[in-house]
Amino acid sequence: MKLNRIIGMFLLGMPLAMQAQEKVVPIKYGDMDQWVTRKIHESGIIGGNTKLLYELGPTKEIDGNVAYVNQGGSPWGNSNVMAKVMGIVKTNTSVYPEQRGNGYCARLETHIESVKVLGMVNITVLASGSMFLGDMKEPITGTKDGEKALNSGLPFTSRPKAVRYDYKVQMSGQPNRIRQTGFSKKTTVPGQDCAIMVCLLQKRSEDAEGNIIAKRVGTVAVKYNRSQDWHNGATYEIMYGDITHDKRYVPELMQLGTGGYYARNSKGESKLIKEVGWASKDEHPTHLILQFTSSMGGAFVGSPGNKLWIDNVNLVY
């Protein structure tokens, strides 16, 4: 009997020690099966259409142009937003629920969003689909400094071994990316677009001026640069301490300060998180950043047509 159990474990393709010790902890609402549907009524001057925005949280509907606050204890924010620019209400939707089997997954898309009113406003921007642990402050009032609306990361003190989730990717096929901010001409950004996942564990503190200072405790990031069908249970090990000499270190995704993440300090002010160094290998974090994005390169950069599907997000201990 014992021999059969040992053989069975090896047939599953996982080392015995890992099978015996592994603990998988789902992130709340990370199964992507429950969504809040928001009905936003855009201003009449741009057509007066009713648009749907989707948020991870308890299944419910919210009808009306109200600023969104995370529902039901959901730890997730995303790039679906209501904007109010010069009194004009406009929306952007780049994250969608999509049926998968008996439940749902999340589909993140990169696309072009525009609003034009003769003599008042003429904005065309590239918007990528993004989901992250944290929240978004609405309404967005312009494209400048839009990242400050994000509150990136959650209080978190554990030391997981890995991040695990299901994913699917569709690339646009374009050899280069574009940058389109809304107030300048569209420009070409060299290099193929990629979908990415970034997970950072940080030990944060706040100085006398309210700045958020952080040391990097744990790191894992990955980019997807080719189309592929569903990959279930993809598992990425979190590396602890200074990883700059690790062969898996990818500077553009993992270096200190990567992503330019903002968070709110104890006074509710939005501050750029200043990563000032690497924590020791056995340090415990205070916060966890986890983000999935359909394009790489920061705000307003990407290739329209890029898509990333995500489902069943877990931490592995």
Foldseek 3Di string as FASTA:
>chain_A
DVVVVVVVVVVVVDDPVCVVPKDWFFQVLQQVFAKEWEWEFWDVLQPRDTDIEIDRDHHYYHYYDDKDDHPPPHQKAKDWAWAQEPNTTDTDHQWDWDDDDPGTWIKGFWDWDWTDHPPPFTFIFIDTIKMKGFYFTDDHHFLPPRLLRTAFWDFDWDDFFKKWWKKFKAFPPDQWKWFGRGPDDIDTHGGGWWKKKWKWFWAWDADPVGAIETATFWIDMDTHRHGDGMDHTDITTIAGWDCPVPPRDDCQRTPFCHPQHWRAGPVRGIHGYHHDYHDHNPHTGGIMMIMIIQTDDYGRMGHGPIMMIIRRIITMD
